[in-house]
Amino acid sequence: MAPETCPNCGADVPRNAKACPECGACERTGWSEEAHDGALGLPDDSFDYEDYVRKEFGGRTPVPRGVHPVWWVTAILLLVAWLAWYFWR
């Protein structure tokens, strides 16, 4: 009997299929009770996500982004200039 998911490529296998529609795996090539999903590249239970993030992105903590103070000053100056023009025209 075909498994629901191919142990070789991870594709969905229709019920009573003779082979996987994606990779062609069958009972002779990998559909046995002893078949495992090691070829799928899925993380196992011992996968350390924090270690992966540290290796991938370095040990730095992310810096929150915001509006740079120069833009705040620019916005305030433009607002003051507009108000001055509006009231003294």
Protein backbone atom coordinates (compact mmCIF):
# COMPACT_ATOMS: atom_id res chain seq x y z
CA MET A 1 0.00 0.00 0.00
CA ALA A 2 1.30 3.46 -0.90
CA PRO A 3 2.03 5.95 1.87
CA GLU A 4 0.18 9.29 1.96
CA THR A 5 3.45 11.19 1.55
CA CYS A 6 6.43 9.95 -0.44
CA PRO A 7 9.37 9.20 1.90
CA ASN A 8 11.81 10.18 -0.85
CA CYS A 9 10.55 13.54 -2.11
CA GLY A 10 7.68 14.49 0.21
CA ALA A 11 5.02 14.72 -2.52
CA ASP A 12 1.42 13.70 -1.86
CA VAL A 13 0.76 10.20 -3.17
CA PRO A 14 -2.76 9.22 -4.30
CA ARG A 15 -4.38 6.25 -2.59
CA ASN A 16 -3.49 2.87 -4.17
CA ALA A 17 -0.79 4.43 -6.35
CA LYS A 18 1.89 2.11 -7.67
CA ALA A 19 4.57 4.82 -7.60
CA CYS A 20 5.09 8.42 -6.53
CA PRO A 21 3.85 10.83 -9.24
CA GLU A 22 6.76 13.21 -8.58
CA CYS A 23 9.90 11.09 -8.21
CA GLY A 24 8.74 7.61 -9.24
CA ALA A 25 9.64 5.90 -5.96
CA CYS A 26 7.86 2.62 -5.37
CA GLU A 27 7.91 -0.32 -2.91
CA ARG A 28 11.18 -1.59 -4.39
CA THR A 29 12.92 1.79 -4.26
CA GLY A 30 11.85 3.10 -0.92
CA TRP A 31 8.27 2.43 0.16
CA SER A 32 8.83 0.05 2.93
CA GLU A 33 7.96 0.15 6.60
CA GLU A 34 11.64 0.90 7.25
CA ALA A 35 11.66 3.87 4.88
CA HIS A 36 12.51 7.15 6.52
CA ASP A 37 12.24 10.81 5.58
CA GLY A 38 15.94 11.59 5.94
CA ALA A 39 16.25 12.66 2.29
CA LEU A 40 13.66 15.42 2.73
CA GLY A 41 16.01 17.71 4.65
CA LEU A 42 13.50 18.31 7.44
CA PRO A 43 14.83 19.36 10.85
CA ASP A 44 14.71 16.64 13.47
CA ASP A 45 13.74 16.90 17.12
CA SER A 46 17.24 17.94 18.14
CA PHE A 47 17.21 20.96 15.79
CA ASP A 48 18.28 24.07 17.72
CA TYR A 49 16.52 27.05 16.14
CA GLU A 50 18.35 29.60 18.31
CA ASP A 51 21.70 28.17 17.21
CA TYR A 52 20.60 28.29 13.57
CA VAL A 53 19.59 31.96 13.87
CA ARG A 54 22.88 32.78 15.61
CA LYS A 55 24.90 31.07 12.85
CA GLU A 56 22.83 32.53 10.03
CA PHE A 57 22.48 36.11 11.22
CA GLY A 58 25.38 36.51 13.63
CA GLY A 59 25.34 37.20 17.32
CA ARG A 60 23.97 40.72 17.01
CA THR A 61 20.55 41.53 18.35
CA PRO A 62 18.25 43.31 15.92
CA VAL A 63 18.08 47.07 16.30
CA PRO A 64 14.55 48.46 16.22
CA ARG A 65 14.05 50.85 13.37
CA GLY A 66 12.25 54.13 13.60
CA VAL A 67 12.22 57.53 12.05
CA HIS A 68 15.63 59.17 12.13
CA PRO A 69 15.73 62.36 14.24
CA VAL A 70 16.77 64.42 11.19
CA TRP A 71 13.41 63.70 9.58
CA TRP A 72 11.54 64.71 12.75
CA VAL A 73 13.40 68.04 12.80
CA THR A 74 12.72 68.53 9.08
CA ALA A 75 9.01 67.82 9.56
CA ILE A 76 8.74 70.25 12.48
CA LEU A 77 10.58 72.99 10.57
CA LEU A 78 8.32 72.53 7.55
CA LEU A 79 5.25 72.66 9.78
CA VAL A 80 6.48 75.85 11.47
CA ALA A 81 7.28 77.40 8.07
CA TRP A 82 3.84 76.50 6.73
CA LEU A 83 2.11 77.90 9.81
CA ALA A 84 4.15 81.12 9.57
CA TRP A 85 3.26 81.51 5.90
CA TYR A 86 -0.43 80.77 6.59
CA PHE A 87 -0.84 83.30 9.45
CA TRP A 88 1.38 86.11 8.09
CA ARG A 89 0.39 86.26 4.45
